[in-house]
């Protein structure tokens, strides 16, 4: 699968390396390989590939990752699937299509 990218520098994802305990759960659960292990700590290697699903933050036992799940591209895809339309985050002028 080709590497997906969304809007540059808009994702809410934050990693707090000082809290990271090196468990690797973020690497295991991220569907877009946003994280990798470097030594005994996780690091973000492709932040813009994040679809803000929240899997990393929900599975981080050290609370070293924060993301506002359901606001980005993941939410837009789900909205489109539920409505049978193109992906939309409902933030366009007429609230009918397109994402921010």
C-alpha atoms as a PDB file:
ATOM      1  CA  UNK A   1       0.000   0.000   0.000  1.00  0.00           C
ATOM      2  CA  UNK A   2       1.276   3.461  -0.853  1.00  0.00           C
ATOM      3  CA  UNK A   3       2.098   5.727   2.070  1.00  0.00           C
ATOM      4  CA  UNK A   4      -0.888   7.957   2.780  1.00  0.00           C
ATOM      5  CA  UNK A   5      -0.471  11.611   3.679  1.00  0.00           C
ATOM      6  CA  UNK A   6      -3.105  14.041   4.746  1.00  0.00           C
ATOM      7  CA  UNK A   7      -2.954  17.781   5.295  1.00  0.00           C
ATOM      8  CA  UNK A   8       0.529  18.864   6.389  1.00  0.00           C
ATOM      9  CA  UNK A   9       1.046  19.971   9.993  1.00  0.00           C
ATOM     10  CA  UNK A  10      -2.598  19.820  11.086  1.00  0.00           C
ATOM     11  CA  UNK A  11      -2.761  16.556  13.034  1.00  0.00           C
ATOM     12  CA  UNK A  12      -3.396  16.792  16.788  1.00  0.00           C
ATOM     13  CA  UNK A  13      -0.930  13.974  17.558  1.00  0.00           C
ATOM     14  CA  UNK A  14       1.649  14.674  20.279  1.00  0.00           C
ATOM     15  CA  UNK A  15       4.339  12.348  21.646  1.00  0.00           C
ATOM     16  CA  UNK A  16       5.913  13.041  25.044  1.00  0.00           C
ATOM     17  CA  UNK A  17       9.211  11.119  24.902  1.00  0.00           C
ATOM     18  CA  UNK A  18       9.992  11.774  28.559  1.00  0.00           C
ATOM     19  CA  UNK A  19       6.939   9.657  29.485  1.00  0.00           C
ATOM     20  CA  UNK A  20       7.662   6.841  27.012  1.00  0.00           C
ATOM     21  CA  UNK A  21       8.517   3.505  28.673  1.00  0.00           C
ATOM     22  CA  UNK A  22       9.513   1.785  25.422  1.00  0.00           C
ATOM     23  CA  UNK A  23       6.740  -0.818  25.307  1.00  0.00           C
ATOM     24  CA  UNK A  24       6.240  -0.442  21.527  1.00  0.00           C
ATOM     25  CA  UNK A  25       2.441  -0.580  21.638  1.00  0.00           C
ATOM     26  CA  UNK A  26       2.171   2.541  19.463  1.00  0.00           C
ATOM     27  CA  UNK A  27       4.272   0.847  16.786  1.00  0.00           C
ATOM     28  CA  UNK A  28       2.117  -2.287  16.962  1.00  0.00           C
ATOM     29  CA  UNK A  29      -1.297  -0.597  16.773  1.00  0.00           C
ATOM     30  CA  UNK A  30      -0.704   2.318  14.375  1.00  0.00           C
ATOM     31  CA  UNK A  31      -2.259   1.475  10.990  1.00  0.00           C
ATOM     32  CA  UNK A  32      -0.048   3.977   9.129  1.00  0.00           C
ATOM     33  CA  UNK A  33       3.383   3.357  10.689  1.00  0.00           C
ATOM     34  CA  UNK A  34       3.618   6.808  12.249  1.00  0.00           C
ATOM     35  CA  UNK A  35       5.914   5.482  14.999  1.00  0.00           C
ATOM     36  CA  UNK A  36       9.082   3.399  15.219  1.00  0.00           C
ATOM     37  CA  UNK A  37      11.283   2.368  18.072  1.00  0.00           C
ATOM     38  CA  UNK A  38      14.648   4.080  18.385  1.00  0.00           C
ATOM     39  CA  UNK A  39      16.607   2.435  21.119  1.00  0.00           C
ATOM     40  CA  UNK A  40      14.219   2.083  24.039  1.00  0.00           C
ATOM     41  CA  UNK A  41      11.898   4.944  23.079  1.00  0.00           C
ATOM     42  CA  UNK A  42       9.193   5.474  20.493  1.00  0.00           C
ATOM     43  CA  UNK A  43       9.595   8.279  18.013  1.00  0.00           C
ATOM     44  CA  UNK A  44       7.336   9.751  15.361  1.00  0.00           C
ATOM     45  CA  UNK A  45       8.679   9.135  11.880  1.00  0.00           C
ATOM     46  CA  UNK A  46       5.738  10.331   9.803  1.00  0.00           C
ATOM     47  CA  UNK A  47       3.386  12.552  11.812  1.00  0.00           C
ATOM     48  CA  UNK A  48       1.458  13.685   8.720  1.00  0.00           C
ATOM     49  CA  UNK A  49       0.458  10.073   8.009  1.00  0.00           C
ATOM     50  CA  UNK A  50      -1.641  10.045  11.208  1.00  0.00           C
ATOM     51  CA  UNK A  51      -5.371   9.649  10.572  1.00  0.00           C
ATOM     52  CA  UNK A  52      -6.200  10.485  14.206  1.00  0.00           C
ATOM     53  CA  UNK A  53      -7.869   7.155  14.941  1.00  0.00           C
ATOM     54  CA  UNK A  54      -6.594   7.260  18.541  1.00  0.00           C
ATOM     55  CA  UNK A  55      -5.310   3.674  18.686  1.00  0.00           C
ATOM     56  CA  UNK A  56      -1.854   4.778  19.835  1.00  0.00           C
ATOM     57  CA  UNK A  57      -3.040   6.951  22.711  1.00  0.00           C
ATOM     58  CA  UNK A  58      -5.658   4.452  23.897  1.00  0.00           C
ATOM     59  CA  UNK A  59      -3.030   1.688  24.010  1.00  0.00           C
ATOM     60  CA  UNK A  60      -0.169   3.664  25.571  1.00  0.00           C
ATOM     61  CA  UNK A  61       0.149   2.533  29.204  1.00  0.00           C
ATOM     62  CA  UNK A  62       2.368   5.520  30.062  1.00  0.00           C
ATOM     63  CA  UNK A  63       0.040   8.172  28.573  1.00  0.00           C
ATOM     64  CA  UNK A  64       2.967   9.386  26.458  1.00  0.00           C
ATOM     65  CA  UNK A  65       0.775   9.996  23.403  1.00  0.00           C
ATOM     66  CA  UNK A  66      -2.106  12.402  23.028  1.00  0.00           C
ATOM     67  CA  UNK A  67      -4.357  12.743  19.993  1.00  0.00           C
ATOM     68  CA  UNK A  68      -7.851  14.100  19.551  1.00  0.00           C
ATOM     69  CA  UNK A  69      -9.437  11.052  17.978  1.00  0.00           C
ATOM     70  CA  UNK A  70     -12.336  11.495  15.600  1.00  0.00           C
ATOM     71  CA  UNK A  71     -11.517  14.967  14.332  1.00  0.00           C
ATOM     72  CA  UNK A  72      -9.329  14.373  11.315  1.00  0.00           C
ATOM     73  CA  UNK A  73      -9.324  12.201   8.255  1.00  0.00           C
ATOM     74  CA  UNK A  74     -10.571   9.127  10.143  1.00  0.00           C
ATOM     75  CA  UNK A  75     -13.717  11.005  11.098  1.00  0.00           C
ATOM     76  CA  UNK A  76     -14.153  12.237   7.526  1.00  0.00           C
ATOM     77  CA  UNK A  77     -13.887   8.724   6.125  1.00  0.00           C
ATOM     78  CA  UNK A  78     -16.398   7.378   8.640  1.00  0.00           C
ATOM     79  CA  UNK A  79     -18.840  10.243   7.901  1.00  0.00           C
ATOM     80  CA  UNK A  80     -18.635   9.461   4.180  1.00  0.00           C
ATOM     81  CA  UNK A  81     -19.153   5.740   4.720  1.00  0.00           C
ATOM     82  CA  UNK A  82     -22.174   6.299   6.955  1.00  0.00           C
ATOM     83  CA  UNK A  83     -23.767   8.728   4.510  1.00  0.00           C
ATOM     84  CA  UNK A  84     -22.757   6.895   1.339  1.00  0.00           C
ATOM     85  CA  UNK A  85     -20.892   9.995   0.123  1.00  0.00           C
ATOM     86  CA  UNK A  86     -17.317  11.074  -0.419  1.00  0.00           C
ATOM     87  CA  UNK A  87     -15.327  11.534   2.814  1.00  0.00           C
ATOM     88  CA  UNK A  88     -16.247  14.758   4.566  1.00  0.00           C
ATOM     89  CA  UNK A  89     -15.540  16.329   7.920  1.00  0.00           C
ATOM     90  CA  UNK A  90     -18.489  18.726   7.547  1.00  0.00           C
ATOM     91  CA  UNK A  91     -16.351  21.825   7.777  1.00  0.00           C
ATOM     92  CA  UNK A  92     -16.954  23.196   4.279  1.00  0.00           C
ATOM     93  CA  UNK A  93     -19.045  26.296   3.663  1.00  0.00           C
ATOM     94  CA  UNK A  94     -22.163  24.310   2.813  1.00  0.00           C
ATOM     95  CA  UNK A  95     -21.377  21.385   5.181  1.00  0.00           C
ATOM     96  CA  UNK A  96     -21.845  18.906   2.364  1.00  0.00           C
ATOM     97  CA  UNK A  97     -18.426  17.913   1.090  1.00  0.00           C
ATOM     98  CA  UNK A  98     -14.723  18.302   1.431  1.00  0.00           C
ATOM     99  CA  UNK A  99     -12.445  18.533   4.417  1.00  0.00           C
ATOM    100  CA  UNK A 100     -10.709  21.546   5.874  1.00  0.00           C
END
